[in-house]
C-alpha atoms as a PDB file:
ATOM      1  CA  MET A   1     -18.843   1.574 -76.230  1.00  0.00           C
ATOM      2  CA  THR A   2     -21.708   1.182 -73.697  1.00  0.00           C
ATOM      3  CA  ILE A   3     -20.944   0.228 -70.133  1.00  0.00           C
ATOM      4  CA  PRO A   4     -23.021  -2.581 -68.668  1.00  0.00           C
ATOM      5  CA  MET A   5     -25.446  -1.401 -65.973  1.00  0.00           C
ATOM      6  CA  PHE A   6     -25.401  -4.770 -64.030  1.00  0.00           C
ATOM      7  CA  LYS A   7     -22.779  -7.270 -62.862  1.00  0.00           C
ATOM      8  CA  SER A   8     -24.047 -10.372 -64.717  1.00  0.00           C
ATOM      9  CA  VAL A   9     -23.431 -10.165 -68.556  1.00  0.00           C
ATOM     10  CA  ARG A  10     -24.778 -13.509 -69.288  1.00  0.00           C
ATOM     11  CA  PRO A  11     -27.855 -15.450 -68.536  1.00  0.00           C
ATOM     12  CA  ILE A  12     -26.655 -17.519 -65.526  1.00  0.00           C
ATOM     13  CA  VAL A  13     -30.188 -18.701 -64.636  1.00  0.00           C
ATOM     14  CA  LYS A  14     -30.874 -19.640 -68.136  1.00  0.00           C
ATOM     15  CA  ALA A  15     -27.460 -21.746 -68.326  1.00  0.00           C
ATOM     16  CA  THR A  16     -28.277 -23.645 -65.021  1.00  0.00           C
ATOM     17  CA  HIS A  17     -32.060 -24.029 -65.626  1.00  0.00           C
ATOM     18  CA  PRO A  18     -33.046 -24.138 -69.324  1.00  0.00           C
ATOM     19  CA  GLU A  19     -36.356 -25.743 -68.648  1.00  0.00           C
ATOM     20  CA  LEU A  20     -37.564 -22.337 -67.424  1.00  0.00           C
ATOM     21  CA  TYR A  21     -37.467 -20.858 -71.033  1.00  0.00           C
ATOM     22  CA  ALA A  22     -38.541 -23.992 -72.759  1.00  0.00           C
ATOM     23  CA  GLU A  23     -42.333 -23.049 -72.641  1.00  0.00           C
ATOM     24  CA  HIS A  24     -43.854 -19.565 -73.332  1.00  0.00           C
ATOM     25  CA  LYS A  25     -46.164 -18.152 -70.758  1.00  0.00           C
ATOM     26  CA  PHE A  26     -48.985 -15.928 -71.912  1.00  0.00           C
ATOM     27  CA  HIS A  27     -49.066 -12.698 -70.214  1.00  0.00           C
ATOM     28  CA  MET A  28     -50.147  -9.930 -72.553  1.00  0.00           C
ATOM     29  CA  LYS A  29     -52.985 -10.018 -75.008  1.00  0.00           C
ATOM     30  CA  LYS A  30     -50.949  -8.402 -77.983  1.00  0.00           C
ATOM     31  CA  CYS A  31     -47.630  -9.969 -77.088  1.00  0.00           C
ATOM     32  CA  VAL A  32     -46.440 -12.233 -79.960  1.00  0.00           C
ATOM     33  CA  ALA A  33     -45.605 -15.779 -78.571  1.00  0.00           C
ATOM     34  CA  TYR A  34     -41.862 -16.351 -77.508  1.00  0.00           C
ATOM     35  CA  THR A  35     -41.115 -12.600 -77.634  1.00  0.00           C
ATOM     36  CA  TYR A  36     -40.294 -11.936 -73.950  1.00  0.00           C
ATOM     37  CA  ASN A  37     -36.971 -13.051 -72.554  1.00  0.00           C
ATOM     38  CA  TYR A  38     -36.839 -13.426 -68.811  1.00  0.00           C
ATOM     39  CA  ALA A  39     -33.228 -14.365 -68.558  1.00  0.00           C
ATOM     40  CA  PHE A  40     -32.009 -10.850 -67.976  1.00  0.00           C
ATOM     41  CA  LEU A  41     -34.829 -10.320 -65.204  1.00  0.00           C
ATOM     42  CA  ASP A  42     -34.112 -13.762 -63.582  1.00  0.00           C
ATOM     43  CA  ASP A  43     -30.323 -12.950 -63.228  1.00  0.00           C
ATOM     44  CA  TYR A  44     -31.038  -9.545 -61.782  1.00  0.00           C
ATOM     45  CA  ILE A  45     -33.526 -10.938 -59.307  1.00  0.00           C
ATOM     46  CA  ALA A  46     -31.248 -13.520 -58.425  1.00  0.00           C
ATOM     47  CA  GLU A  47     -28.271 -11.141 -57.796  1.00  0.00           C
ATOM     48  CA  HIS A  48     -30.376  -8.611 -55.885  1.00  0.00           C
ATOM     49  CA  TRP A  49     -33.102 -10.445 -53.997  1.00  0.00           C
ATOM     50  CA  TYR A  50     -31.742 -10.361 -50.498  1.00  0.00           C
ATOM     51  CA  ASN A  51     -31.113  -6.531 -50.410  1.00  0.00           C
ATOM     52  CA  LYS A  52     -33.694  -4.931 -52.575  1.00  0.00           C
ATOM     53  CA  SER A  53     -37.660  -5.096 -52.521  1.00  0.00           C
ATOM     54  CA  ILE A  54     -39.701  -6.278 -55.611  1.00  0.00           C
ATOM     55  CA  GLN A  55     -40.776  -2.601 -56.253  1.00  0.00           C
ATOM     56  CA  GLN A  56     -36.968  -1.514 -56.211  1.00  0.00           C
ATOM     57  CA  ILE A  57     -36.185  -4.402 -58.829  1.00  0.00           C
ATOM     58  CA  ALA A  58     -39.085  -3.516 -60.918  1.00  0.00           C
ATOM     59  CA  THR A  59     -38.114   0.158 -61.041  1.00  0.00           C
ATOM     60  CA  GLU A  60     -34.348  -0.251 -61.823  1.00  0.00           C
ATOM     61  CA  THR A  61     -35.123  -3.024 -64.490  1.00  0.00           C
ATOM     62  CA  ASN A  62     -38.103  -0.833 -65.897  1.00  0.00           C
ATOM     63  CA  GLU A  63     -40.563  -3.785 -65.367  1.00  0.00           C
ATOM     64  CA  TYR A  64     -43.815  -4.268 -64.126  1.00  0.00           C
ATOM     65  CA  ALA A  65     -43.806  -5.210 -60.215  1.00  0.00           C
ATOM     66  CA  PRO A  66     -46.298  -8.057 -60.721  1.00  0.00           C
ATOM     67  CA  ARG A  67     -43.853  -9.550 -63.377  1.00  0.00           C
ATOM     68  CA  VAL A  68     -40.973  -9.232 -60.869  1.00  0.00           C
ATOM     69  CA  ALA A  69     -43.145 -10.967 -58.224  1.00  0.00           C
ATOM     70  CA  TYR A  70     -44.108 -13.725 -60.577  1.00  0.00           C
ATOM     71  CA  ARG A  71     -40.444 -14.514 -61.585  1.00  0.00           C
ATOM     72  CA  SER A  72     -39.339 -14.514 -57.964  1.00  0.00           C
ATOM     73  CA  ARG A  73     -42.070 -17.063 -57.143  1.00  0.00           C
ATOM     74  CA  VAL A  74     -40.676 -19.194 -60.023  1.00  0.00           C
ATOM     75  CA  LEU A  75     -37.228 -18.787 -58.899  1.00  0.00           C
ATOM     76  CA  GLN A  76     -38.181 -19.621 -55.317  1.00  0.00           C
ATOM     77  CA  ASN A  77     -40.122 -22.722 -56.434  1.00  0.00           C
ATOM     78  CA  ILE A  78     -36.827 -24.220 -58.226  1.00  0.00           C
ATOM     79  CA  GLY A  79     -34.736 -23.181 -55.252  1.00  0.00           C
ATOM     80  CA  ILE A  80     -32.485 -20.506 -56.806  1.00  0.00           C
ATOM     81  CA  ILE A  81     -33.669 -17.906 -54.281  1.00  0.00           C
ATOM     82  CA  GLN A  82     -34.926 -18.461 -50.744  1.00  0.00           C
ATOM     83  CA  PRO A  83     -38.214 -16.409 -49.278  1.00  0.00           C
ATOM     84  CA  LYS A  84     -36.625 -13.392 -47.601  1.00  0.00           C
ATOM     85  CA  TRP A  85     -38.075 -14.562 -44.068  1.00  0.00           C
ATOM     86  CA  VAL A  86     -35.991 -17.703 -44.262  1.00  0.00           C
ATOM     87  CA  GLN A  87     -32.581 -15.966 -43.829  1.00  0.00           C
ATOM     88  CA  ASN A  88     -32.786 -15.345 -40.236  1.00  0.00           C
ATOM     89  CA  GLY A  89     -36.476 -16.084 -39.284  1.00  0.00           C
ATOM     90  CA  SER A  90     -37.146 -12.704 -37.850  1.00  0.00           C
ATOM     91  CA  THR A  91     -39.961 -11.812 -40.257  1.00  0.00           C
ATOM     92  CA  LYS A  92     -41.738 -15.052 -39.476  1.00  0.00           C
ATOM     93  CA  LEU A  93     -41.503 -14.419 -35.691  1.00  0.00           C
ATOM     94  CA  LYS A  94     -42.502 -10.861 -35.937  1.00  0.00           C
ATOM     95  CA  GLN A  95     -45.808 -11.960 -37.997  1.00  0.00           C
ATOM     96  CA  GLU A  96     -46.245 -14.621 -35.236  1.00  0.00           C
ATOM     97  CA  ARG A  97     -45.986 -12.032 -32.447  1.00  0.00           C
ATOM     98  CA  LYS A  98     -48.456  -9.758 -34.099  1.00  0.00           C
ATOM     99  CA  GLU A  99     -51.007 -12.593 -34.510  1.00  0.00           C
ATOM    100  CA  LEU A 100     -50.353 -13.593 -30.587  1.00  0.00           C
ATOM    101  CA  ARG A 101     -50.992  -9.880 -29.696  1.00  0.00           C
ATOM    102  CA  PHE A 102     -54.245  -9.736 -31.541  1.00  0.00           C
ATOM    103  CA  ARG A 103     -55.540 -13.003 -29.971  1.00  0.00           C
ATOM    104  CA  LEU A 104     -54.422 -11.700 -26.646  1.00  0.00           C
ATOM    105  CA  GLN A 105     -56.352  -8.438 -27.013  1.00  0.00           C
ATOM    106  CA  LYS A 106     -59.468 -10.792 -28.001  1.00  0.00           C
ATOM    107  CA  VAL A 107     -59.053 -12.754 -24.903  1.00  0.00           C
ATOM    108  CA  GLU A 108     -58.679  -9.628 -22.625  1.00  0.00           C
ATOM    109  CA  GLN A 109     -61.896  -8.259 -24.030  1.00  0.00           C
ATOM    110  CA  LEU A 110     -63.819 -11.555 -23.546  1.00  0.00           C
ATOM    111  CA  LEU A 111     -62.291 -11.634 -19.844  1.00  0.00           C
ATOM    112  CA  GLU A 112     -63.649  -7.999 -19.313  1.00  0.00           C
ATOM    113  CA  GLN A 113     -67.092  -9.133 -20.401  1.00  0.00           C
ATOM    114  CA  CYS A 114     -67.171 -12.131 -18.221  1.00  0.00           C
ATOM    115  CA  GLY A 115     -66.343 -10.057 -15.416  1.00  0.00           C
END
């Protein structure tokens, strides 16, 4: 008997959003149509999105990182997961602070040139 590696044993996302799996997405040249099942990957992303990076999820599920990134964007678009910066806003604020510091350095350089 094998022990399941992950908590979700059924495709939860597939049950709640079957329209995601109605159309085949072409990704690989040699791939036969309708051969790739995203249900497992979607469930894993939904379960671990807030505490793991895309690279960690890709490594643990033995997937390509761009494929995990693609599926995370799909899940964000339909509202199953939220962008990570939305949780407390700190990432967005840090990015804004970085941009403001860069602009401040430019202004200080211009002031030094003027005199």
